[in-house]
C-alpha atoms as a PDB file:
ATOM      1  CA  MET A   1     -30.876   7.989   1.212  1.00  0.00           C
ATOM      2  CA  ASN A   2     -31.579   4.588  -0.101  1.00  0.00           C
ATOM      3  CA  LYS A   3     -29.183   1.688  -0.014  1.00  0.00           C
ATOM      4  CA  PHE A   4     -28.473   1.908  -3.828  1.00  0.00           C
ATOM      5  CA  SER A   5     -27.352   5.557  -3.550  1.00  0.00           C
ATOM      6  CA  MET A   6     -25.178   4.604  -0.561  1.00  0.00           C
ATOM      7  CA  VAL A   7     -23.343   1.818  -2.338  1.00  0.00           C
ATOM      8  CA  LEU A   8     -22.867   3.829  -5.518  1.00  0.00           C
ATOM      9  CA  MET A   9     -21.247   6.634  -3.399  1.00  0.00           C
ATOM     10  CA  LEU A  10     -18.956   4.225  -1.810  1.00  0.00           C
ATOM     11  CA  ILE A  11     -17.899   2.667  -5.079  1.00  0.00           C
ATOM     12  CA  LEU A  12     -17.388   6.118  -6.558  1.00  0.00           C
ATOM     13  CA  GLY A  13     -15.480   7.249  -3.627  1.00  0.00           C
ATOM     14  CA  GLY A  14     -13.249   4.123  -3.599  1.00  0.00           C
ATOM     15  CA  ALA A  15     -12.707   4.647  -7.365  1.00  0.00           C
ATOM     16  CA  LEU A  16     -11.600   8.338  -6.885  1.00  0.00           C
ATOM     17  CA  SER A  17      -9.187   7.546  -4.164  1.00  0.00           C
ATOM     18  CA  ALA A  18      -7.779   4.587  -5.946  1.00  0.00           C
ATOM     19  CA  CYS A  19      -6.764   7.046  -8.734  1.00  0.00           C
ATOM     20  CA  ASN A  20      -4.921   9.160  -6.569  1.00  0.00           C
ATOM     21  CA  THR A  21      -3.236   6.161  -4.944  1.00  0.00           C
ATOM     22  CA  THR A  22      -2.071   4.952  -8.368  1.00  0.00           C
ATOM     23  CA  ARG A  23      -0.842   8.424  -9.293  1.00  0.00           C
ATOM     24  CA  GLY A  24       1.108   8.627  -5.993  1.00  0.00           C
ATOM     25  CA  LEU A  25       2.655   5.165  -6.532  1.00  0.00           C
ATOM     26  CA  GLY A  26       3.705   6.035  -9.984  1.00  0.00           C
ATOM     27  CA  GLU A  27       5.497   9.336  -8.651  1.00  0.00           C
ATOM     28  CA  ASP A  28       7.164   7.155  -5.964  1.00  0.00           C
ATOM     29  CA  VAL A  29       8.456   4.647  -8.386  1.00  0.00           C
ATOM     30  CA  GLU A  30       9.645   7.467 -10.726  1.00  0.00           C
ATOM     31  CA  ALA A  31      11.544   9.318  -7.846  1.00  0.00           C
ATOM     32  CA  THR A  32      13.037   5.891  -6.815  1.00  0.00           C
ATOM     33  CA  GLY A  33      14.245   5.100 -10.351  1.00  0.00           C
ATOM     34  CA  GLU A  34      15.704   8.557 -10.366  1.00  0.00           C
ATOM     35  CA  GLY A  35      17.456   7.962  -7.254  1.00  0.00           C
ATOM     36  CA  ILE A  36      19.094   4.896  -8.492  1.00  0.00           C
ATOM     37  CA  GLN A  37      19.886   6.361 -11.667  1.00  0.00           C
ATOM     38  CA  ASN A  38      21.761   9.283  -9.798  1.00  0.00           C
ATOM     39  CA  ALA A  39      23.475   6.830  -7.503  1.00  0.00           C
ATOM     40  CA  ALA A  40      24.733   4.771 -10.415  1.00  0.00           C
ATOM     41  CA  GLU A  41      26.052   7.819 -12.196  1.00  0.00           C
ATOM     42  CA  LYS A  42      27.671   9.095  -9.140  1.00  0.00           C
ATOM     43  CA  ALA A  43      29.492   5.627  -8.731  1.00  0.00           C
ATOM     44  CA  GLU A  44      30.519   5.532 -12.350  1.00  0.00           C
ATOM     45  CA  GLU A  45      32.000   9.074 -11.859  1.00  0.00           C
ATOM     46  CA  GLU A  46      33.978   7.914  -8.712  1.00  0.00           C
ATOM     47  CA  LEU A  47      35.197   4.648 -10.420  1.00  0.00           C
ATOM     48  CA  GLU A  48      36.363   6.871 -13.374  1.00  0.00           C
ATOM     49  CA  ASP A  49      38.144   9.220 -10.960  1.00  0.00           C
ATOM     50  CA  ALA A  50      39.906   6.327  -9.051  1.00  0.00           C
ATOM     51  CA  VAL A  51      41.212   4.872 -12.338  1.00  0.00           C
ATOM     52  CA  ASP A  52      42.610   8.064 -13.562  1.00  0.00           C
END
């Protein structure tokens, strides 16, 4: 295997793993946002119950 093929394989491998990493990061951010939203809704419900 020549050096060009080796470098090309490394670049393609890095690009493919970056796609998976980006997708995973997006899923983590989404899950965090949903968790914050759920906590805010729960706090709002508890506040409404305390006022009533």
